Structure formats: structure tokens, C-alpha cells
Amino acid sequence: MNPSFLVMRSRTLTPRNLARHELLGLRARAKPLKGGFTHVGEIVGETRNMLKMLRDDGRIVSLPKNAYRFIFELPSGEKVLVDGRVLVGRPEERLKRRLRRW
């Protein structure tokens, strides 16, 4: 990736606008709402209801957004907890939608 792109992205991605931003490439920890196994890795794909994560062990897992809480690590080093239900929707539509403060 171009280093100038990373600098620009780190300035624009904040905890406040994370739900309206591109999630691909971010490190994340996914914890299910009801027990289960916590996944740690990098987000490599996104659909309306699913996030695809490349786990640290090399496997790609599909995680339903509405069944997990995600802790995203921003390029600045900050960690942000987001309920997956806030992320449900296509990425391009999520930008248009008005989000309540979470």
C-alpha cells in the first residue's frame, strides 16, 4: 500500500466515525454475544450481514454481524468496541444511513 494512503486513513478514521467507515484491513477481535469462541484477526471481506476475518492461524471465518461484538484496533492504536448490530447493512448504504450515537 502507498504510505501516504495510510497516513490519510489514520487521520480520518476515529472511534466516532468507525461505524460509517471502511472496515477492510482493520485488526479486530470478535466476541459472540452468547458465549462461544473469540476470533482474532484482520477483516478481509464484508457483506450485508457478514464479516470475513482472516484469523491469526491462517483460516478465513465468516462471522454474522448481529451475533458478535467487535473490538477494532484503529491505525492510531486506539481500540473501539462496536456492537455488530450497528454494522448490519451494506457498506455503501451504511455511509448514507444516519446512526444513533453508540
N, C-alpha and C. Protein backbone atom coordinates (compact mmCIF):
# COMPACT_ATOMS: atom_id res chain seq x y z
N MET A 1 0.83 -1.19 0.00
CA MET A 1 0.00 0.00 0.00
C MET A 1 0.87 1.24 0.00
N ASN A 2 0.33 2.28 -0.55
CA ASN A 2 1.02 3.56 -0.59
C ASN A 2 1.08 4.15 0.82
N PRO A 3 2.25 4.54 1.33
CA PRO A 3 2.36 5.10 2.68
C PRO A 3 1.52 6.35 2.89
N SER A 4 1.36 7.19 1.85
CA SER A 4 0.56 8.40 2.01
C SER A 4 -0.91 8.04 2.23
N PHE A 5 -1.38 6.93 1.64
CA PHE A 5 -2.75 6.48 1.86
C PHE A 5 -2.95 6.12 3.33
N LEU A 6 -1.98 5.43 3.92
CA LEU A 6 -2.10 5.04 5.32
C LEU A 6 -2.13 6.25 6.24
N VAL A 7 -1.33 7.27 5.92
CA VAL A 7 -1.32 8.48 6.74
C VAL A 7 -2.67 9.17 6.64
N MET A 8 -3.22 9.28 5.43
CA MET A 8 -4.51 9.92 5.25
C MET A 8 -5.60 9.14 5.99
N ARG A 9 -5.56 7.82 5.90
CA ARG A 9 -6.58 7.00 6.53
C ARG A 9 -6.52 7.13 8.04
N SER A 10 -5.33 7.20 8.62
CA SER A 10 -5.23 7.28 10.07
C SER A 10 -5.78 8.59 10.60
N ARG A 11 -5.76 9.66 9.77
CA ARG A 11 -6.32 10.93 10.21
C ARG A 11 -7.84 10.92 10.17
N THR A 12 -8.41 10.19 9.22
CA THR A 12 -9.85 10.27 9.04
C THR A 12 -10.62 9.21 9.84
N LEU A 13 -9.99 8.14 10.25
CA LEU A 13 -10.67 7.07 10.98
C LEU A 13 -10.57 7.33 12.47
N THR A 14 -11.72 7.59 13.09
CA THR A 14 -11.77 7.87 14.52
C THR A 14 -12.79 6.94 15.16
N PRO A 15 -12.76 6.81 16.49
CA PRO A 15 -13.77 5.97 17.15
C PRO A 15 -15.19 6.45 16.87
N ARG A 16 -15.35 7.72 16.68
CA ARG A 16 -16.69 8.27 16.46
C ARG A 16 -17.27 7.92 15.08
N ASN A 17 -16.41 7.84 14.05
CA ASN A 17 -16.92 7.58 12.70
C ASN A 17 -16.63 6.16 12.23
N LEU A 18 -16.21 5.28 13.09
CA LEU A 18 -15.84 3.91 12.69
C LEU A 18 -16.99 3.16 12.03
N ALA A 19 -18.20 3.28 12.56
CA ALA A 19 -19.34 2.54 12.01
C ALA A 19 -19.71 3.01 10.61
N ARG A 20 -19.28 4.20 10.21
CA ARG A 20 -19.57 4.73 8.88
C ARG A 20 -18.34 4.66 7.97
N HIS A 21 -17.34 3.93 8.37
CA HIS A 21 -16.08 3.88 7.64
C HIS A 21 -15.83 2.49 7.07
N GLU A 22 -14.86 2.40 6.20
CA GLU A 22 -14.44 1.12 5.62
C GLU A 22 -13.75 0.29 6.70
N LEU A 23 -14.14 -0.98 6.83
CA LEU A 23 -13.60 -1.85 7.87
C LEU A 23 -12.50 -2.77 7.36
N LEU A 24 -12.38 -2.93 6.04
CA LEU A 24 -11.40 -3.85 5.48
C LEU A 24 -9.99 -3.45 5.88
N GLY A 25 -9.24 -4.45 6.31
CA GLY A 25 -7.85 -4.22 6.68
C GLY A 25 -7.63 -3.91 8.15
N LEU A 26 -8.70 -3.70 8.90
CA LEU A 26 -8.55 -3.41 10.33
C LEU A 26 -8.35 -4.69 11.13
N ARG A 27 -7.52 -4.63 12.15
CA ARG A 27 -7.38 -5.74 13.09
C ARG A 27 -8.61 -5.72 13.99
N ALA A 28 -9.11 -6.90 14.33
CA ALA A 28 -10.32 -6.97 15.15
C ALA A 28 -10.31 -8.21 16.03
N ARG A 29 -11.07 -8.12 17.09
CA ARG A 29 -11.35 -9.24 17.98
C ARG A 29 -12.86 -9.36 18.00
N ALA A 30 -13.39 -10.55 17.69
CA ALA A 30 -14.83 -10.77 17.62
C ALA A 30 -15.25 -11.68 18.76
N LYS A 31 -16.13 -11.17 19.61
CA LYS A 31 -16.62 -11.94 20.76
C LYS A 31 -18.12 -12.14 20.59
N PRO A 32 -18.59 -13.40 20.61
CA PRO A 32 -20.02 -13.63 20.42
C PRO A 32 -20.85 -13.06 21.57
N LEU A 33 -22.08 -12.69 21.26
CA LEU A 33 -22.98 -12.14 22.29
C LEU A 33 -23.33 -13.20 23.32
N LYS A 34 -23.42 -14.47 22.90
CA LYS A 34 -23.80 -15.55 23.82
C LYS A 34 -22.69 -16.59 23.85
N GLY A 35 -21.76 -16.45 24.76
CA GLY A 35 -20.70 -17.45 24.93
C GLY A 35 -19.92 -17.68 23.66
N GLY A 36 -19.30 -18.82 23.54
CA GLY A 36 -18.63 -19.17 22.30
C GLY A 36 -17.17 -18.79 22.26
N PHE A 37 -16.60 -18.85 21.06
CA PHE A 37 -15.18 -18.70 20.82
C PHE A 37 -14.87 -17.30 20.31
N THR A 38 -13.84 -16.67 20.85
CA THR A 38 -13.42 -15.35 20.39
C THR A 38 -12.44 -15.51 19.23
N HIS A 39 -12.68 -14.77 18.15
CA HIS A 39 -11.82 -14.80 16.97
C HIS A 39 -10.97 -13.53 16.94
N VAL A 40 -9.70 -13.67 16.58
CA VAL A 40 -8.79 -12.54 16.47
C VAL A 40 -8.14 -12.57 15.10
N GLY A 41 -8.15 -11.43 14.40
CA GLY A 41 -7.53 -11.39 13.08
C GLY A 41 -7.80 -10.09 12.37
N GLU A 42 -7.73 -10.15 11.03
CA GLU A 42 -7.90 -8.97 10.19
C GLU A 42 -9.14 -9.13 9.32
N ILE A 43 -9.92 -8.06 9.19
CA ILE A 43 -11.12 -8.08 8.36
C ILE A 43 -10.70 -8.06 6.89
N VAL A 44 -11.15 -9.08 6.13
CA VAL A 44 -10.77 -9.18 4.72
C VAL A 44 -11.97 -9.12 3.78
N GLY A 45 -13.19 -9.15 4.30
CA GLY A 45 -14.37 -9.09 3.45
C GLY A 45 -15.59 -8.66 4.24
N GLU A 46 -16.53 -8.06 3.53
CA GLU A 46 -17.75 -7.60 4.20
C GLU A 46 -18.92 -7.70 3.25
N THR A 47 -20.03 -8.26 3.75
CA THR A 47 -21.30 -8.26 3.02
C THR A 47 -22.33 -7.60 3.92
N ARG A 48 -23.58 -7.67 3.53
CA ARG A 48 -24.64 -7.00 4.31
C ARG A 48 -24.71 -7.52 5.74
N ASN A 49 -24.63 -8.84 5.91
CA ASN A 49 -24.82 -9.42 7.25
C ASN A 49 -23.59 -10.13 7.80
N MET A 50 -22.50 -10.19 7.04
CA MET A 50 -21.34 -10.97 7.47
C MET A 50 -20.06 -10.17 7.35
N LEU A 51 -19.12 -10.50 8.24
CA LEU A 51 -17.74 -10.03 8.10
C LEU A 51 -16.87 -11.26 7.92
N LYS A 52 -15.92 -11.20 7.00
CA LYS A 52 -14.97 -12.29 6.83
C LYS A 52 -13.66 -11.85 7.48
N MET A 53 -13.15 -12.74 8.33
CA MET A 53 -11.95 -12.43 9.08
C MET A 53 -10.87 -13.46 8.79
N LEU A 54 -9.67 -12.97 8.50
CA LEU A 54 -8.50 -13.83 8.37
C LEU A 54 -7.91 -13.95 9.75
N ARG A 55 -8.10 -15.13 10.35
CA ARG A 55 -7.61 -15.33 11.71
C ARG A 55 -6.10 -15.43 11.73
N ASP A 56 -5.53 -15.28 12.91
CA ASP A 56 -4.08 -15.34 13.07
C ASP A 56 -3.52 -16.71 12.71
N ASP A 57 -4.35 -17.76 12.75
CA ASP A 57 -3.87 -19.10 12.39
C ASP A 57 -4.00 -19.37 10.88
N GLY A 58 -4.43 -18.36 10.08
CA GLY A 58 -4.49 -18.50 8.63
C GLY A 58 -5.84 -18.89 8.07
N ARG A 59 -6.81 -19.22 8.91
CA ARG A 59 -8.15 -19.59 8.43
C ARG A 59 -9.00 -18.34 8.21
N ILE A 60 -9.88 -18.40 7.21
CA ILE A 60 -10.85 -17.33 6.99
C ILE A 60 -12.18 -17.81 7.54
N VAL A 61 -12.76 -17.02 8.45
CA VAL A 61 -14.05 -17.37 9.04
C VAL A 61 -15.07 -16.29 8.70
N SER A 62 -16.32 -16.70 8.51
CA SER A 62 -17.42 -15.77 8.26
C SER A 62 -18.19 -15.59 9.56
N LEU A 63 -18.34 -14.36 9.96
CA LEU A 63 -18.99 -14.04 11.24
C LEU A 63 -20.23 -13.19 10.99
N PRO A 64 -21.41 -13.63 11.47
CA PRO A 64 -22.61 -12.80 11.32
C PRO A 64 -22.48 -11.55 12.20
N LYS A 65 -22.73 -10.40 11.61
CA LYS A 65 -22.56 -9.14 12.33
C LYS A 65 -23.47 -9.04 13.54
N ASN A 66 -24.71 -9.51 13.41
CA ASN A 66 -25.67 -9.31 14.50
C ASN A 66 -25.47 -10.28 15.67
N ALA A 67 -24.51 -11.20 15.59
CA ALA A 67 -24.29 -12.16 16.67
C ALA A 67 -22.98 -11.92 17.42
N TYR A 68 -22.25 -10.84 17.05
CA TYR A 68 -20.94 -10.59 17.65
C TYR A 68 -20.78 -9.14 18.08
N ARG A 69 -19.88 -8.95 19.02
CA ARG A 69 -19.35 -7.63 19.36
C ARG A 69 -17.92 -7.62 18.85
N PHE A 70 -17.53 -6.51 18.26
CA PHE A 70 -16.21 -6.41 17.66
C PHE A 70 -15.39 -5.34 18.38
N ILE A 71 -14.14 -5.66 18.64
CA ILE A 71 -13.19 -4.67 19.14
C ILE A 71 -12.22 -4.42 18.00
N PHE A 72 -12.33 -3.23 17.39
CA PHE A 72 -11.48 -2.87 16.27
C PHE A 72 -10.28 -2.08 16.78
N GLU A 73 -9.12 -2.36 16.20
CA GLU A 73 -7.91 -1.60 16.52
C GLU A 73 -7.67 -0.63 15.38
N LEU A 74 -7.73 0.66 15.70
CA LEU A 74 -7.55 1.70 14.70
C LEU A 74 -6.06 1.87 14.39
N PRO A 75 -5.72 2.45 13.24
CA PRO A 75 -4.31 2.68 12.91
C PRO A 75 -3.58 3.53 13.95
N SER A 76 -4.33 4.36 14.68
CA SER A 76 -3.72 5.19 15.72
C SER A 76 -3.39 4.39 16.98
N GLY A 77 -3.86 3.14 17.04
CA GLY A 77 -3.61 2.30 18.21
C GLY A 77 -4.78 2.21 19.17
N GLU A 78 -5.79 3.06 18.97
CA GLU A 78 -6.98 3.03 19.83
C GLU A 78 -7.78 1.76 19.56
N LYS A 79 -8.47 1.29 20.60
CA LYS A 79 -9.35 0.14 20.45
C LYS A 79 -10.78 0.59 20.70
N VAL A 80 -11.69 0.15 19.82
CA VAL A 80 -13.08 0.59 19.88
C VAL A 80 -13.99 -0.62 19.89
N LEU A 81 -14.89 -0.69 20.88
CA LEU A 81 -15.88 -1.75 20.98
C LEU A 81 -17.13 -1.32 20.21
N VAL A 82 -17.58 -2.17 19.27
CA VAL A 82 -18.76 -1.88 18.46
C VAL A 82 -19.67 -3.10 18.47
N ASP A 83 -20.94 -2.88 18.79
CA ASP A 83 -21.92 -3.96 18.69
C ASP A 83 -22.17 -4.23 17.21
N GLY A 84 -22.10 -5.48 16.80
CA GLY A 84 -22.25 -5.83 15.39
C GLY A 84 -23.57 -5.42 14.80
N ARG A 85 -24.62 -5.28 15.61
CA ARG A 85 -25.93 -4.87 15.09
C ARG A 85 -25.88 -3.47 14.49
N VAL A 86 -24.95 -2.65 14.95
CA VAL A 86 -24.78 -1.30 14.40
C VAL A 86 -24.20 -1.38 12.99
N LEU A 87 -23.45 -2.44 12.71
CA LEU A 87 -22.76 -2.58 11.43
C LEU A 87 -23.59 -3.27 10.35
N VAL A 88 -24.76 -3.81 10.70
CA VAL A 88 -25.57 -4.55 9.73
C VAL A 88 -25.99 -3.61 8.60
N GLY A 89 -25.79 -4.07 7.39
CA GLY A 89 -26.12 -3.29 6.20
C GLY A 89 -24.93 -3.28 5.27
N ARG A 90 -25.20 -3.04 4.00
CA ARG A 90 -24.11 -2.98 3.03
C ARG A 90 -23.22 -1.78 3.35
N PRO A 91 -21.92 -1.94 3.15
CA PRO A 91 -21.00 -0.84 3.50
C PRO A 91 -21.37 0.48 2.83
N GLU A 92 -21.75 0.45 1.56
CA GLU A 92 -22.07 1.70 0.87
C GLU A 92 -23.35 2.33 1.40
N GLU A 93 -24.29 1.53 1.91
CA GLU A 93 -25.52 2.08 2.48
C GLU A 93 -25.31 2.56 3.91
N ARG A 94 -24.38 1.95 4.59
CA ARG A 94 -24.08 2.35 5.97
C ARG A 94 -23.54 3.77 6.01
N LEU A 95 -22.87 4.20 4.94
CA LEU A 95 -22.35 5.56 4.88
C LEU A 95 -23.48 6.58 4.81
N LYS A 96 -24.57 6.23 4.12
CA LYS A 96 -25.69 7.14 3.95
C LYS A 96 -26.59 7.20 5.17
N ARG A 97 -26.68 6.08 5.88
CA ARG A 97 -27.62 5.95 6.99
C ARG A 97 -27.20 6.82 8.17
N ARG A 98 -28.16 7.43 8.78
CA ARG A 98 -27.88 8.23 9.98
C ARG A 98 -27.82 7.28 11.16
N LEU A 99 -26.72 7.29 11.89
CA LEU A 99 -26.53 6.38 13.01
C LEU A 99 -26.75 7.08 14.33
N ARG A 100 -27.42 6.39 15.23
CA ARG A 100 -27.54 6.92 16.58
C ARG A 100 -26.20 6.80 17.28
N ARG A 101 -25.97 7.62 18.23
CA ARG A 101 -24.72 7.56 18.97
C ARG A 101 -24.66 6.25 19.74
N TRP A 102 -23.59 5.50 19.60
CA TRP A 102 -23.44 4.21 20.26
C TRP A 102 -22.34 4.30 21.18
